[in-house]
Amino acid sequence: MRYDFLLETYATERVKIVSVWSEFRDEDLPMRPRAGDPRGRSVREQMIHQCVSEDLWFRTMLGIDVGAPPLPPQEVRLEFMTRYAEDSGKRLAVLKSKSEDWWEGNTTFFDVQRSRAWVLTRRLTHTSHHRGQQMAMLRMLGRDLHSNYGPTADTGGLMQNHAPTIYAYPDLAGLFRSEAVGGAKAILPHSGGKPVTERPDGK
């Protein structure tokens, strides 16, 4: 099917979201990029926004309702992860049943008409924008970062130095099994003294 690439992308993006959330701790949830400044969403507000916003987009723009409240009864890290993983999995199953005509048909995107394929593409970019903000917040907290798209400073540094891609967990099932009992993410090698940016300090 012509739009399988969108299905494949959404399938991996939902895993990336839950993986980044697993890098936080419950005590991090009130943290904002700048303490006392409500313009920057807290970690909790980022998780709420992802759940509520994606539910709203899918229901109102794509006509896909998973029949569940978008937020967990307890707003703690593992519950957010479980709620989002379950709901996004149901959305993916519905998307897989759609024909090319459905993808190419128009729907209302705020106050304009766009194809459903266009709307899902925009949803994916919206999600990755917020995930990038959350990864920056992990750095502000002084945390190590596993791969989300490719190498990080903690998996070995730069791609051109052949740094590996190291995911925290091999799949969602492994993630939830481990995080339910305290977590056991993949071991990170760090950079081994190699540069981790193209312009390291003082160079």
N, C-alpha and C. Protein backbone atom coordinates (compact mmCIF):
# COMPACT_ATOMS: atom_id res chain seq x y z
N MET A 1 0.84 -1.19 0.00
CA MET A 1 0.00 0.00 0.00
C MET A 1 0.88 1.25 0.00
N ARG A 2 0.45 2.23 -0.74
CA ARG A 2 1.26 3.43 -0.96
C ARG A 2 1.63 4.14 0.34
N TYR A 3 0.80 4.01 1.36
CA TYR A 3 1.03 4.75 2.60
C TYR A 3 1.56 3.88 3.74
N ASP A 4 2.12 2.75 3.39
CA ASP A 4 2.73 1.90 4.42
C ASP A 4 3.83 2.63 5.17
N PHE A 5 4.52 3.54 4.49
CA PHE A 5 5.61 4.25 5.16
C PHE A 5 5.09 5.09 6.33
N LEU A 6 3.85 5.59 6.23
CA LEU A 6 3.27 6.34 7.34
C LEU A 6 2.93 5.40 8.50
N LEU A 7 2.44 4.21 8.17
CA LEU A 7 2.16 3.22 9.22
C LEU A 7 3.45 2.83 9.94
N GLU A 8 4.50 2.59 9.17
CA GLU A 8 5.79 2.20 9.76
C GLU A 8 6.36 3.32 10.62
N THR A 9 6.19 4.56 10.16
CA THR A 9 6.71 5.69 10.92
C THR A 9 5.95 5.86 12.22
N TYR A 10 4.62 5.80 12.16
CA TYR A 10 3.83 5.94 13.38
C TYR A 10 4.15 4.81 14.36
N ALA A 11 4.34 3.60 13.85
CA ALA A 11 4.67 2.46 14.71
C ALA A 11 5.96 2.69 15.47
N THR A 12 6.97 3.26 14.81
CA THR A 12 8.23 3.50 15.50
C THR A 12 8.17 4.75 16.38
N GLU A 13 7.42 5.76 15.94
CA GLU A 13 7.33 6.99 16.73
C GLU A 13 6.68 6.74 18.09
N ARG A 14 5.66 5.88 18.13
CA ARG A 14 5.01 5.62 19.42
C ARG A 14 5.98 4.93 20.38
N VAL A 15 6.87 4.09 19.85
CA VAL A 15 7.88 3.44 20.69
C VAL A 15 8.87 4.49 21.20
N LYS A 16 9.25 5.43 20.34
CA LYS A 16 10.21 6.47 20.74
C LYS A 16 9.65 7.34 21.86
N ILE A 17 8.36 7.64 21.79
CA ILE A 17 7.74 8.45 22.84
C ILE A 17 7.85 7.74 24.19
N VAL A 18 7.41 6.49 24.23
CA VAL A 18 7.44 5.74 25.49
C VAL A 18 8.88 5.56 25.98
N SER A 19 9.81 5.37 25.06
CA SER A 19 11.21 5.19 25.44
C SER A 19 11.76 6.44 26.11
N VAL A 20 11.46 7.63 25.56
CA VAL A 20 11.93 8.86 26.19
C VAL A 20 11.28 9.04 27.56
N TRP A 21 10.00 8.75 27.67
CA TRP A 21 9.34 8.88 28.97
C TRP A 21 9.98 7.95 30.01
N SER A 22 10.46 6.80 29.55
CA SER A 22 11.08 5.86 30.50
C SER A 22 12.38 6.39 31.08
N GLU A 23 12.98 7.39 30.43
CA GLU A 23 14.24 7.96 30.91
C GLU A 23 14.04 8.92 32.08
N PHE A 24 12.80 9.37 32.29
CA PHE A 24 12.50 10.25 33.42
C PHE A 24 12.24 9.42 34.68
N ARG A 25 12.19 10.12 35.80
CA ARG A 25 11.80 9.54 37.08
C ARG A 25 10.54 10.27 37.57
N ASP A 26 9.81 9.65 38.46
CA ASP A 26 8.58 10.30 38.93
C ASP A 26 8.86 11.65 39.57
N GLU A 27 9.98 11.78 40.25
CA GLU A 27 10.28 13.06 40.90
C GLU A 27 10.59 14.17 39.89
N ASP A 28 10.80 13.79 38.61
CA ASP A 28 11.08 14.79 37.57
C ASP A 28 9.82 15.47 37.05
N LEU A 29 8.65 14.90 37.29
CA LEU A 29 7.44 15.35 36.61
C LEU A 29 7.12 16.83 36.80
N PRO A 30 7.39 17.44 37.94
CA PRO A 30 7.09 18.88 38.07
C PRO A 30 8.13 19.79 37.40
N MET A 31 9.25 19.24 36.95
CA MET A 31 10.35 20.06 36.44
C MET A 31 9.96 20.81 35.16
N ARG A 32 10.33 22.11 35.13
CA ARG A 32 10.15 22.94 33.94
C ARG A 32 11.52 23.32 33.38
N PRO A 33 11.59 23.71 32.10
CA PRO A 33 12.89 24.15 31.56
C PRO A 33 13.50 25.28 32.38
N ARG A 34 12.65 26.18 32.87
CA ARG A 34 13.11 27.28 33.72
C ARG A 34 12.17 27.36 34.91
N ALA A 35 12.68 27.10 36.08
CA ALA A 35 11.85 27.04 37.29
C ALA A 35 11.02 28.31 37.45
N GLY A 36 9.74 28.12 37.74
CA GLY A 36 8.86 29.25 37.98
C GLY A 36 8.28 29.90 36.74
N ASP A 37 8.68 29.45 35.57
CA ASP A 37 8.19 30.03 34.31
C ASP A 37 7.19 29.08 33.68
N PRO A 38 5.89 29.35 33.79
CA PRO A 38 4.88 28.41 33.29
C PRO A 38 4.79 28.35 31.77
N ARG A 39 5.53 29.22 31.06
CA ARG A 39 5.49 29.17 29.59
C ARG A 39 6.13 27.89 29.06
N GLY A 40 7.05 27.32 29.83
CA GLY A 40 7.67 26.06 29.43
C GLY A 40 6.99 24.90 30.13
N ARG A 41 6.40 23.99 29.38
CA ARG A 41 5.67 22.87 29.99
C ARG A 41 6.57 22.05 30.92
N SER A 42 6.00 21.61 32.03
CA SER A 42 6.69 20.67 32.89
C SER A 42 6.74 19.31 32.22
N VAL A 43 7.52 18.39 32.76
CA VAL A 43 7.56 17.03 32.22
C VAL A 43 6.16 16.42 32.26
N ARG A 44 5.45 16.59 33.37
CA ARG A 44 4.07 16.06 33.47
C ARG A 44 3.18 16.68 32.39
N GLU A 45 3.28 18.00 32.22
CA GLU A 45 2.44 18.67 31.22
C GLU A 45 2.77 18.21 29.81
N GLN A 46 4.04 17.89 29.55
CA GLN A 46 4.42 17.35 28.24
C GLN A 46 3.72 16.01 28.00
N MET A 47 3.70 15.14 29.02
CA MET A 47 3.04 13.84 28.88
C MET A 47 1.54 14.01 28.70
N ILE A 48 0.95 14.92 29.48
CA ILE A 48 -0.48 15.20 29.33
C ILE A 48 -0.77 15.71 27.93
N HIS A 49 0.03 16.65 27.46
CA HIS A 49 -0.20 17.23 26.14
C HIS A 49 -0.13 16.16 25.05
N GLN A 50 0.85 15.27 25.12
CA GLN A 50 0.96 14.22 24.11
C GLN A 50 -0.29 13.35 24.09
N CYS A 51 -0.74 12.93 25.25
CA CYS A 51 -1.91 12.05 25.32
C CYS A 51 -3.19 12.75 24.86
N VAL A 52 -3.42 13.97 25.36
CA VAL A 52 -4.65 14.69 25.04
C VAL A 52 -4.65 15.18 23.60
N SER A 53 -3.54 15.74 23.16
CA SER A 53 -3.45 16.29 21.81
C SER A 53 -3.60 15.20 20.75
N GLU A 54 -2.89 14.07 20.94
CA GLU A 54 -3.00 13.01 19.94
C GLU A 54 -4.41 12.43 19.90
N ASP A 55 -5.03 12.24 21.06
CA ASP A 55 -6.41 11.76 21.10
C ASP A 55 -7.33 12.71 20.34
N LEU A 56 -7.17 14.02 20.55
CA LEU A 56 -8.02 15.01 19.89
C LEU A 56 -7.82 15.02 18.39
N TRP A 57 -6.57 15.00 17.94
CA TRP A 57 -6.30 14.99 16.51
C TRP A 57 -6.92 13.76 15.85
N PHE A 58 -6.70 12.60 16.43
CA PHE A 58 -7.21 11.38 15.81
C PHE A 58 -8.74 11.35 15.80
N ARG A 59 -9.38 11.78 16.87
CA ARG A 59 -10.84 11.75 16.90
C ARG A 59 -11.47 12.76 15.96
N THR A 60 -10.95 14.01 15.98
CA THR A 60 -11.62 15.07 15.24
C THR A 60 -11.15 15.23 13.81
N MET A 61 -9.91 14.87 13.51
CA MET A 61 -9.37 15.04 12.16
C MET A 61 -9.34 13.75 11.36
N LEU A 62 -9.14 12.63 12.04
CA LEU A 62 -9.01 11.35 11.34
C LEU A 62 -10.17 10.41 11.62
N GLY A 63 -11.07 10.79 12.53
CA GLY A 63 -12.25 9.98 12.81
C GLY A 63 -11.92 8.66 13.49
N ILE A 64 -10.84 8.62 14.27
CA ILE A 64 -10.42 7.39 14.95
C ILE A 64 -10.52 7.62 16.46
N ASP A 65 -11.46 6.93 17.09
CA ASP A 65 -11.72 7.06 18.52
C ASP A 65 -11.46 5.70 19.16
N VAL A 66 -10.50 5.63 20.07
CA VAL A 66 -10.15 4.35 20.70
C VAL A 66 -11.05 4.04 21.89
N GLY A 67 -11.99 4.94 22.19
CA GLY A 67 -12.97 4.67 23.24
C GLY A 67 -12.38 4.57 24.63
N ALA A 68 -11.36 5.36 24.90
CA ALA A 68 -10.72 5.34 26.21
C ALA A 68 -10.38 6.76 26.62
N PRO A 69 -10.37 7.05 27.93
CA PRO A 69 -9.93 8.39 28.35
C PRO A 69 -8.46 8.56 27.99
N PRO A 70 -8.07 9.74 27.50
CA PRO A 70 -6.68 9.92 27.05
C PRO A 70 -5.66 9.92 28.18
N LEU A 71 -6.12 10.18 29.41
CA LEU A 71 -5.19 10.28 30.54
C LEU A 71 -5.39 9.12 31.52
N PRO A 72 -4.32 8.70 32.18
CA PRO A 72 -4.43 7.62 33.17
C PRO A 72 -5.07 8.13 34.46
N PRO A 73 -5.64 7.23 35.27
CA PRO A 73 -6.24 7.67 36.53
C PRO A 73 -5.22 8.25 37.50
N GLN A 74 -3.99 7.75 37.44
CA GLN A 74 -2.91 8.30 38.26
C GLN A 74 -1.86 8.90 37.33
N GLU A 75 -1.56 10.18 37.53
CA GLU A 75 -0.63 10.86 36.63
C GLU A 75 0.80 10.67 37.11
N VAL A 76 1.27 9.43 36.98
CA VAL A 76 2.64 9.07 37.29
C VAL A 76 3.26 8.48 36.03
N ARG A 77 4.57 8.44 36.00
CA ARG A 77 5.32 8.10 34.80
C ARG A 77 4.87 6.78 34.15
N LEU A 78 4.87 5.69 34.90
CA LEU A 78 4.55 4.38 34.32
C LEU A 78 3.11 4.33 33.82
N GLU A 79 2.21 5.02 34.51
CA GLU A 79 0.80 5.04 34.08
C GLU A 79 0.64 5.83 32.79
N PHE A 80 1.35 6.95 32.65
CA PHE A 80 1.32 7.69 31.38
C PHE A 80 1.84 6.80 30.24
N MET A 81 2.94 6.10 30.48
CA MET A 81 3.53 5.24 29.47
C MET A 81 2.55 4.14 29.05
N THR A 82 1.91 3.51 30.02
CA THR A 82 0.97 2.43 29.74
C THR A 82 -0.23 2.92 28.96
N ARG A 83 -0.80 4.06 29.40
CA ARG A 83 -1.98 4.62 28.72
C ARG A 83 -1.67 4.96 27.28
N TYR A 84 -0.54 5.66 27.07
CA TYR A 84 -0.21 6.07 25.70
C TYR A 84 0.10 4.87 24.82
N ALA A 85 0.83 3.90 25.32
CA ALA A 85 1.18 2.72 24.53
C ALA A 85 -0.07 1.96 24.11
N GLU A 86 -1.01 1.82 25.04
CA GLU A 86 -2.24 1.09 24.72
C GLU A 86 -3.07 1.83 23.68
N ASP A 87 -3.28 3.12 23.88
CA ASP A 87 -4.12 3.88 22.96
C ASP A 87 -3.48 4.02 21.59
N SER A 88 -2.18 4.30 21.54
CA SER A 88 -1.52 4.45 20.23
C SER A 88 -1.48 3.11 19.49
N GLY A 89 -1.39 2.00 20.21
CA GLY A 89 -1.45 0.69 19.57
C GLY A 89 -2.79 0.45 18.90
N LYS A 90 -3.87 0.89 19.55
CA LYS A 90 -5.21 0.76 18.96
C LYS A 90 -5.34 1.66 17.73
N ARG A 91 -4.78 2.85 17.81
CA ARG A 91 -4.83 3.75 16.64
C ARG A 91 -4.08 3.15 15.46
N LEU A 92 -2.94 2.56 15.74
CA LEU A 92 -2.16 1.93 14.67
C LEU A 92 -2.96 0.81 14.01
N ALA A 93 -3.65 0.02 14.80
CA ALA A 93 -4.44 -1.08 14.24
C ALA A 93 -5.52 -0.56 13.31
N VAL A 94 -6.17 0.54 13.68
CA VAL A 94 -7.20 1.13 12.82
C VAL A 94 -6.57 1.69 11.55
N LEU A 95 -5.46 2.38 11.67
CA LEU A 95 -4.78 2.94 10.50
C LEU A 95 -4.43 1.84 9.49
N LYS A 96 -4.03 0.68 9.98
CA LYS A 96 -3.64 -0.42 9.09
C LYS A 96 -4.81 -0.93 8.26
N SER A 97 -6.03 -0.67 8.70
CA SER A 97 -7.21 -1.16 7.98
C SER A 97 -7.68 -0.20 6.89
N LYS A 98 -7.07 0.97 6.79
CA LYS A 98 -7.57 1.99 5.88
C LYS A 98 -7.02 1.82 4.46
N SER A 99 -7.84 2.19 3.50
CA SER A 99 -7.49 2.08 2.08
C SER A 99 -6.73 3.32 1.61
N GLU A 100 -6.16 3.22 0.42
CA GLU A 100 -5.47 4.39 -0.14
C GLU A 100 -6.45 5.55 -0.35
N ASP A 101 -7.68 5.24 -0.74
CA ASP A 101 -8.68 6.30 -0.93
C ASP A 101 -8.92 7.06 0.37
N TRP A 102 -8.93 6.34 1.49
CA TRP A 102 -9.14 7.00 2.79
C TRP A 102 -7.98 7.95 3.06
N TRP A 103 -6.75 7.49 2.85
CA TRP A 103 -5.59 8.33 3.11
C TRP A 103 -5.60 9.58 2.24
N GLU A 104 -6.04 9.45 1.00
CA GLU A 104 -6.01 10.56 0.06
C GLU A 104 -7.21 11.48 0.18
N GLY A 105 -8.25 11.05 0.91
CA GLY A 105 -9.42 11.88 1.11
C GLY A 105 -9.13 13.05 2.04
N ASN A 106 -9.88 14.12 1.86
CA ASN A 106 -9.68 15.33 2.66
C ASN A 106 -10.42 15.27 3.99
N THR A 107 -9.86 15.99 4.94
CA THR A 107 -10.49 16.18 6.25
C THR A 107 -10.20 17.61 6.68
N THR A 108 -10.87 18.04 7.76
CA THR A 108 -10.67 19.40 8.24
C THR A 108 -9.49 19.45 9.20
N PHE A 109 -8.51 20.26 8.86
CA PHE A 109 -7.36 20.49 9.71
C PHE A 109 -7.48 21.91 10.24
N PHE A 110 -7.95 22.05 11.48
CA PHE A 110 -8.29 23.36 12.04
C PHE A 110 -9.27 24.06 11.09
N ASP A 111 -8.85 25.06 10.31
CA ASP A 111 -9.81 25.76 9.47
C ASP A 111 -9.55 25.58 7.97
N VAL A 112 -8.75 24.56 7.62
CA VAL A 112 -8.48 24.28 6.20
C VAL A 112 -8.70 22.81 5.91
N GLN A 113 -8.76 22.47 4.62
CA GLN A 113 -8.90 21.09 4.20
C GLN A 113 -7.53 20.53 3.80
N ARG A 114 -7.23 19.33 4.29
CA ARG A 114 -5.99 18.64 3.97
C ARG A 114 -6.27 17.15 3.86
N SER A 115 -5.41 16.44 3.13
CA SER A 115 -5.59 14.99 3.05
C SER A 115 -5.25 14.36 4.39
N ARG A 116 -5.80 13.17 4.64
CA ARG A 116 -5.51 12.48 5.90
C ARG A 116 -4.03 12.09 5.98
N ALA A 117 -3.43 11.79 4.84
CA ALA A 117 -1.99 11.49 4.84
C ALA A 117 -1.20 12.72 5.29
N TRP A 118 -1.62 13.89 4.83
CA TRP A 118 -0.96 15.14 5.23
C TRP A 118 -1.12 15.36 6.73
N VAL A 119 -2.34 15.12 7.24
CA VAL A 119 -2.62 15.35 8.67
C VAL A 119 -1.76 14.43 9.54
N LEU A 120 -1.64 13.15 9.17
CA LEU A 120 -0.82 12.26 9.99
C LEU A 120 0.65 12.66 9.93
N THR A 121 1.11 13.09 8.75
CA THR A 121 2.49 13.57 8.65
C THR A 121 2.72 14.75 9.58
N ARG A 122 1.78 15.70 9.62
CA ARG A 122 1.91 16.84 10.50
C ARG A 122 1.84 16.42 11.96
N ARG A 123 1.02 15.40 12.27
CA ARG A 123 0.96 14.90 13.64
C ARG A 123 2.31 14.32 14.07
N LEU A 124 2.96 13.59 13.18
CA LEU A 124 4.26 13.00 13.50
C LEU A 124 5.30 14.08 13.79
N THR A 125 5.28 15.15 13.01
CA THR A 125 6.26 16.22 13.24
C THR A 125 5.95 16.97 14.53
N HIS A 126 4.67 17.14 14.82
CA HIS A 126 4.25 17.78 16.08
C HIS A 126 4.77 16.96 17.27
N THR A 127 4.62 15.66 17.19
CA THR A 127 5.06 14.77 18.26
C THR A 127 6.58 14.82 18.43
N SER A 128 7.32 14.77 17.33
CA SER A 128 8.78 14.76 17.43
C SER A 128 9.30 16.09 17.97
N HIS A 129 8.61 17.18 17.68
CA HIS A 129 8.96 18.49 18.23
C HIS A 129 8.92 18.44 19.77
N HIS A 130 7.83 17.93 20.31
CA HIS A 130 7.71 17.87 21.77
C HIS A 130 8.68 16.85 22.38
N ARG A 131 8.92 15.77 21.68
CA ARG A 131 9.87 14.78 22.21
C ARG A 131 11.28 15.38 22.28
N GLY A 132 11.63 16.19 21.31
CA GLY A 132 12.92 16.87 21.36
C GLY A 132 13.03 17.78 22.57
N GLN A 133 11.94 18.47 22.90
CA GLN A 133 11.94 19.31 24.09
C GLN A 133 12.18 18.46 25.34
N GLN A 134 11.56 17.30 25.39
CA GLN A 134 11.72 16.44 26.55
C GLN A 134 13.14 15.89 26.67
N MET A 135 13.76 15.58 25.55
CA MET A 135 15.14 15.10 25.59
C MET A 135 16.08 16.21 26.06
N ALA A 136 15.78 17.46 25.68
CA ALA A 136 16.58 18.58 26.19
C ALA A 136 16.41 18.69 27.71
N MET A 137 15.20 18.44 28.19
CA MET A 137 14.95 18.50 29.64
C MET A 137 15.72 17.39 30.36
N LEU A 138 15.86 16.24 29.75
CA LEU A 138 16.67 15.18 30.36
C LEU A 138 18.12 15.64 30.52
N ARG A 139 18.64 16.36 29.53
CA ARG A 139 19.99 16.89 29.64
C ARG A 139 20.07 17.93 30.77
N MET A 140 19.04 18.76 30.89
CA MET A 140 19.01 19.75 31.97
C MET A 140 19.04 19.06 33.33
N LEU A 141 18.47 17.87 33.40
CA LEU A 141 18.46 17.10 34.64
C LEU A 141 19.77 16.33 34.85
N GLY A 142 20.67 16.41 33.86
CA GLY A 142 21.96 15.74 33.97
C GLY A 142 21.92 14.25 33.70
N ARG A 143 20.92 13.81 32.93
CA ARG A 143 20.75 12.39 32.68
C ARG A 143 21.49 11.92 31.44
N ASP A 144 21.84 10.65 31.43
CA ASP A 144 22.36 10.02 30.22
C ASP A 144 21.19 9.78 29.26
N LEU A 145 21.52 9.70 27.96
CA LEU A 145 20.48 9.47 26.95
C LEU A 145 20.84 8.29 26.07
N HIS A 146 19.93 7.33 25.99
CA HIS A 146 20.04 6.26 25.01
C HIS A 146 19.62 6.79 23.64
N SER A 147 19.81 5.99 22.64
CA SER A 147 19.42 6.38 21.28
C SER A 147 17.91 6.56 21.19
N ASN A 148 17.52 7.50 20.34
CA ASN A 148 16.12 7.66 19.98
C ASN A 148 15.98 7.60 18.47
N TYR A 149 16.95 8.19 17.77
CA TYR A 149 17.05 8.07 16.31
C TYR A 149 18.38 7.46 15.89
N GLY A 150 19.41 7.75 16.61
CA GLY A 150 20.74 7.27 16.27
C GLY A 150 21.66 7.45 17.46
N PRO A 151 22.97 7.58 17.23
CA PRO A 151 23.91 7.73 18.34
C PRO A 151 23.63 8.97 19.17
N THR A 152 24.02 8.92 20.44
CA THR A 152 24.00 10.10 21.30
C THR A 152 25.39 10.26 21.91
N ALA A 153 25.59 11.34 22.65
CA ALA A 153 26.87 11.53 23.34
C ALA A 153 27.17 10.37 24.28
N ASP A 154 26.13 9.71 24.77
CA ASP A 154 26.31 8.63 25.74
C ASP A 154 26.43 7.25 25.09
N THR A 155 26.07 7.14 23.81
CA THR A 155 26.25 5.85 23.13
C THR A 155 27.57 5.80 22.37
N GLY A 156 28.32 6.91 22.40
CA GLY A 156 29.61 6.92 21.72
C GLY A 156 29.95 8.20 21.01
N GLY A 157 28.98 9.11 20.90
CA GLY A 157 29.27 10.39 20.28
C GLY A 157 28.75 10.52 18.87
N LEU A 158 29.60 10.93 17.95
CA LEU A 158 29.18 11.27 16.59
C LEU A 158 29.09 10.05 15.66
N MET A 159 28.12 10.12 14.75
CA MET A 159 27.94 9.05 13.78
C MET A 159 29.20 8.86 12.93
N GLN A 160 29.87 9.98 12.54
CA GLN A 160 31.05 9.87 11.69
C GLN A 160 32.22 9.19 12.40
N ASN A 161 32.13 9.09 13.72
CA ASN A 161 33.13 8.33 14.49
C ASN A 161 32.67 6.91 14.77
N HIS A 162 31.62 6.51 14.05
CA HIS A 162 31.07 5.14 14.13
C HIS A 162 30.50 4.82 15.50
N ALA A 163 29.95 5.85 16.16
CA ALA A 163 29.27 5.60 17.43
C ALA A 163 28.04 4.73 17.18
N PRO A 164 27.77 3.78 18.03
CA PRO A 164 26.64 2.87 17.80
C PRO A 164 25.31 3.48 18.23
N THR A 165 24.25 2.91 17.71
CA THR A 165 22.89 3.20 18.16
C THR A 165 22.55 2.18 19.24
N ILE A 166 22.22 2.65 20.42
CA ILE A 166 21.92 1.76 21.55
C ILE A 166 20.59 2.18 22.17
N TYR A 167 19.56 1.38 21.93
CA TYR A 167 18.26 1.66 22.52
C TYR A 167 18.23 1.18 23.97
N ALA A 168 17.43 1.85 24.79
CA ALA A 168 17.33 1.46 26.20
C ALA A 168 16.79 0.05 26.33
N TYR A 169 15.82 -0.31 25.47
CA TYR A 169 15.18 -1.62 25.50
C TYR A 169 14.96 -2.10 24.07
N PRO A 170 14.90 -3.40 23.84
CA PRO A 170 14.73 -3.90 22.47
C PRO A 170 13.33 -3.69 21.91
N ASP A 171 12.31 -3.59 22.79
CA ASP A 171 10.92 -3.42 22.34
C ASP A 171 10.07 -2.96 23.51
N LEU A 172 8.80 -2.65 23.22
CA LEU A 172 7.92 -2.15 24.28
C LEU A 172 7.64 -3.20 25.35
N ALA A 173 7.52 -4.45 24.95
CA ALA A 173 7.24 -5.50 25.93
C ALA A 173 8.38 -5.58 26.95
N GLY A 174 9.62 -5.54 26.47
CA GLY A 174 10.77 -5.57 27.36
C GLY A 174 10.84 -4.33 28.23
N LEU A 175 10.48 -3.19 27.64
CA LEU A 175 10.49 -1.94 28.40
C LEU A 175 9.54 -2.02 29.59
N PHE A 176 8.31 -2.45 29.33
CA PHE A 176 7.32 -2.47 30.40
C PHE A 176 7.64 -3.53 31.45
N ARG A 177 8.15 -4.67 31.03
CA ARG A 177 8.54 -5.70 32.00
C ARG A 177 9.59 -5.16 32.95
N SER A 178 10.58 -4.47 32.40
CA SER A 178 11.69 -3.99 33.20
C SER A 178 11.31 -2.77 34.05
N GLU A 179 10.61 -1.80 33.43
CA GLU A 179 10.27 -0.58 34.16
C GLU A 179 9.30 -0.85 35.31
N ALA A 180 8.51 -1.90 35.19
CA ALA A 180 7.56 -2.24 36.26
C ALA A 180 8.28 -2.68 37.53
N VAL A 181 9.54 -3.10 37.39
CA VAL A 181 10.30 -3.56 38.56
C VAL A 181 11.54 -2.70 38.81
N GLY A 182 11.50 -1.47 38.32
CA GLY A 182 12.59 -0.54 38.61
C GLY A 182 13.50 -0.19 37.46
N GLY A 183 13.43 -0.95 36.35
CA GLY A 183 14.20 -0.62 35.15
C GLY A 183 15.57 -1.27 35.08
N ALA A 184 15.94 -1.66 33.87
CA ALA A 184 17.27 -2.22 33.61
C ALA A 184 17.63 -1.91 32.16
N LYS A 185 17.95 -0.65 31.90
CA LYS A 185 18.23 -0.21 30.54
C LYS A 185 19.58 -0.73 30.07
N ALA A 186 19.76 -0.74 28.76
CA ALA A 186 21.03 -1.17 28.18
C ALA A 186 22.18 -0.31 28.71
N ILE A 187 23.32 -0.92 28.89
CA ILE A 187 24.50 -0.21 29.39
C ILE A 187 25.04 0.72 28.30
N LEU A 188 25.41 1.93 28.71
CA LEU A 188 25.93 2.92 27.77
C LEU A 188 27.45 3.00 27.86
N PRO A 189 28.15 3.05 26.71
CA PRO A 189 29.62 3.11 26.74
C PRO A 189 30.16 4.52 26.93
N HIS A 190 29.34 5.56 26.71
CA HIS A 190 29.77 6.95 26.67
C HIS A 190 30.79 7.15 25.55
N SER A 191 31.42 8.29 25.48
CA SER A 191 32.15 8.65 24.26
C SER A 191 33.58 8.11 24.21
N GLY A 192 34.12 7.66 25.30
CA GLY A 192 35.51 7.20 25.30
C GLY A 192 36.49 8.31 24.98
N GLY A 193 36.12 9.56 25.31
CA GLY A 193 37.01 10.70 25.07
C GLY A 193 36.89 11.32 23.70
N LYS A 194 36.08 10.74 22.81
CA LYS A 194 35.91 11.30 21.47
C LYS A 194 34.95 12.50 21.53
N PRO A 195 35.07 13.43 20.58
CA PRO A 195 34.14 14.57 20.56
C PRO A 195 32.69 14.09 20.42
N VAL A 196 31.79 14.82 21.06
CA VAL A 196 30.37 14.45 20.96
C VAL A 196 29.56 15.51 20.20
N THR A 197 30.24 16.58 19.75
CA THR A 197 29.61 17.56 18.85
C THR A 197 30.60 17.88 17.75
N GLU A 198 30.10 18.53 16.70
CA GLU A 198 30.97 18.94 15.60
C GLU A 198 31.87 20.11 15.98
N ARG A 199 31.52 20.86 17.01
CA ARG A 199 32.31 22.00 17.46
C ARG A 199 32.51 21.93 18.97
N PRO A 200 33.33 21.02 19.43
CA PRO A 200 33.53 20.91 20.89
C PRO A 200 34.14 22.19 21.44
N ASP A 201 33.89 22.44 22.71
CA ASP A 201 34.40 23.67 23.34
C ASP A 201 35.91 23.82 23.13
N GLY A 202 36.29 25.04 22.76
CA GLY A 202 37.70 25.34 22.63
C GLY A 202 38.33 24.91 21.32
N LYS A 203 37.54 24.35 20.40
CA LYS A 203 38.11 23.91 19.12
C LYS A 203 37.75 24.87 18.01
